[in-house]
């Protein structure tokens, strides 16, 4: 099996995922994912696609991720891994889609408008 290359995005985070057959090593920015994301909930999100498809410890994943915060980065990685698994085996698509892992979350930060301090907030209005 050659390298499967996919992309995952969430907010401003972009994750480039490279998946090969292996022993289940997940490397994020040349470090182990448990070092980069020390919180258990975030680690569970990264492993979630493998657990749903019963492919734990079958693939090595190398990820380059940039932009956004840690949660956005983890969800971008999760989407990239899910897409890579579907490239490997089309039958996984229904399993992952049921859990909502194949959907690119389109929610972004609303832009700041001129004449306002933030996107929706207005400066104090003085009647007189």
Protein backbone atom coordinates (compact mmCIF):
# COMPACT_ATOMS: atom_id res chain seq x y z
CA UNK A 1 0.00 0.00 0.00
CA UNK A 2 1.30 3.41 -0.92
CA UNK A 3 0.80 6.60 1.10
CA UNK A 4 -2.77 7.93 1.23
CA UNK A 5 -2.77 11.73 1.31
CA UNK A 6 -5.84 13.68 2.51
CA UNK A 7 -6.72 17.09 3.88
CA UNK A 8 -8.86 18.06 6.87
CA UNK A 9 -10.02 21.55 7.81
CA UNK A 10 -11.87 23.12 10.74
CA UNK A 11 -12.20 26.89 11.33
CA UNK A 12 -8.70 28.14 10.41
CA UNK A 13 -6.88 24.86 11.15
CA UNK A 14 -5.55 22.84 8.20
CA UNK A 15 -4.31 19.27 8.65
CA UNK A 16 -2.43 17.37 5.93
CA UNK A 17 -2.73 13.65 6.71
CA UNK A 18 -0.46 10.91 5.30
CA UNK A 19 -1.57 7.34 6.11
CA UNK A 20 0.31 4.09 5.48
CA UNK A 21 0.03 0.51 6.73
CA UNK A 22 1.78 0.17 10.07
CA UNK A 23 1.50 -0.38 13.80
CA UNK A 24 -0.79 2.49 14.81
CA UNK A 25 1.70 5.31 15.33
CA UNK A 26 0.17 8.79 15.05
CA UNK A 27 2.71 11.58 14.56
CA UNK A 28 1.64 15.24 14.62
CA UNK A 29 4.22 17.84 13.51
CA UNK A 30 7.05 15.30 14.03
CA UNK A 31 5.97 14.54 17.64
CA UNK A 32 3.73 11.86 19.11
CA UNK A 33 0.10 12.98 19.23
CA UNK A 34 -0.05 12.35 23.01
CA UNK A 35 2.70 14.95 23.50
CA UNK A 36 1.09 17.54 21.21
CA UNK A 37 -2.44 16.98 22.60
CA UNK A 38 -2.05 15.95 26.28
CA UNK A 39 -5.80 16.11 27.05
CA UNK A 40 -7.62 12.73 27.02
CA UNK A 41 -10.70 14.07 25.21
CA UNK A 42 -8.57 15.36 22.32
CA UNK A 43 -6.65 12.08 22.08
CA UNK A 44 -9.96 10.19 21.95
CA UNK A 45 -11.13 12.39 19.04
CA UNK A 46 -8.02 11.49 17.03
CA UNK A 47 -8.45 7.73 17.61
CA UNK A 48 -12.26 7.80 17.09
CA UNK A 49 -12.28 7.02 13.32
CA UNK A 50 -10.04 3.97 13.88
CA UNK A 51 -12.25 2.67 16.71
CA UNK A 52 -15.43 3.03 14.65
CA UNK A 53 -13.93 1.10 11.72
CA UNK A 54 -12.08 -1.49 13.89
CA UNK A 55 -8.72 -0.51 12.36
CA UNK A 56 -6.88 0.40 15.58
CA UNK A 57 -3.10 -0.28 15.28
CA UNK A 58 -3.33 -1.07 11.53
CA UNK A 59 -2.18 2.28 10.07
CA UNK A 60 0.61 4.74 10.73
CA UNK A 61 -0.48 8.36 10.40
CA UNK A 62 1.75 11.38 9.90
CA UNK A 63 0.08 14.78 10.18
CA UNK A 64 1.21 18.33 9.46
CA UNK A 65 -1.25 20.71 11.09
CA UNK A 66 -1.21 24.50 11.32
CA UNK A 67 -3.53 27.33 12.26
CA UNK A 68 -6.39 27.52 14.73
CA UNK A 69 -6.49 26.31 18.32
CA UNK A 70 -5.97 22.82 19.69
CA UNK A 71 -9.62 21.74 19.38
CA UNK A 72 -9.88 22.97 15.79
CA UNK A 73 -6.62 21.21 14.94
CA UNK A 74 -7.80 17.92 16.48
CA UNK A 75 -11.10 18.06 14.57
CA UNK A 76 -9.23 18.85 11.34
CA UNK A 77 -6.98 15.81 11.94
CA UNK A 78 -10.04 13.66 12.66
CA UNK A 79 -11.64 14.68 9.34
CA UNK A 80 -8.39 13.99 7.47
CA UNK A 81 -8.04 10.53 9.04
CA UNK A 82 -11.68 9.72 8.23
CA UNK A 83 -11.19 10.73 4.59
CA UNK A 84 -8.02 8.62 4.40
CA UNK A 85 -9.84 5.56 5.77
CA UNK A 86 -12.58 6.00 3.16
CA UNK A 87 -9.92 6.16 0.42
CA UNK A 88 -8.55 2.90 1.80
CA UNK A 89 -11.96 1.16 1.98
CA UNK A 90 -15.22 2.66 0.66
CA UNK A 91 -17.29 0.51 3.06
CA UNK A 92 -16.17 2.67 5.99
CA UNK A 93 -17.99 5.70 4.58
CA UNK A 94 -21.42 4.76 5.95
CA UNK A 95 -20.02 4.02 9.43
CA UNK A 96 -18.15 7.31 9.61
CA UNK A 97 -20.98 9.33 8.06
CA UNK A 98 -23.44 8.10 10.72
CA UNK A 99 -21.18 9.53 13.41
CA UNK A 100 -20.77 12.81 11.50
CA UNK A 101 -17.04 12.38 10.85
CA UNK A 102 -17.23 12.85 7.07
CA UNK A 103 -18.74 16.34 7.26
CA UNK A 104 -16.60 19.45 6.97
CA UNK A 105 -17.87 21.80 9.70
CA UNK A 106 -18.43 25.11 7.84
CA UNK A 107 -18.75 27.34 10.92
CA UNK A 108 -16.20 30.14 10.86
CA UNK A 109 -15.66 33.32 12.88
CA UNK A 110 -17.80 36.15 11.55
CA UNK A 111 -15.80 39.07 10.23
CA UNK A 112 -15.55 42.39 12.05
CA UNK A 113 -17.53 45.17 10.38
CA UNK A 114 -16.38 48.79 10.03
CA UNK A 115 -17.98 51.23 12.49
CA UNK A 116 -18.37 48.48 15.10
CA UNK A 117 -15.99 47.17 17.77
CA UNK A 118 -16.69 43.51 16.88
CA UNK A 119 -18.78 41.49 14.41
CA UNK A 120 -22.16 42.11 16.06
CA UNK A 121 -21.43 44.44 18.99
CA UNK A 122 -22.16 48.12 18.45
CA UNK A 123 -20.63 51.17 20.03
CA UNK A 124 -22.79 52.74 22.76
CA UNK A 125 -25.65 54.77 21.26
CA UNK A 126 -26.27 58.26 22.63
CA UNK A 127 -29.70 59.69 21.95
CA UNK A 128 -28.85 63.24 23.12
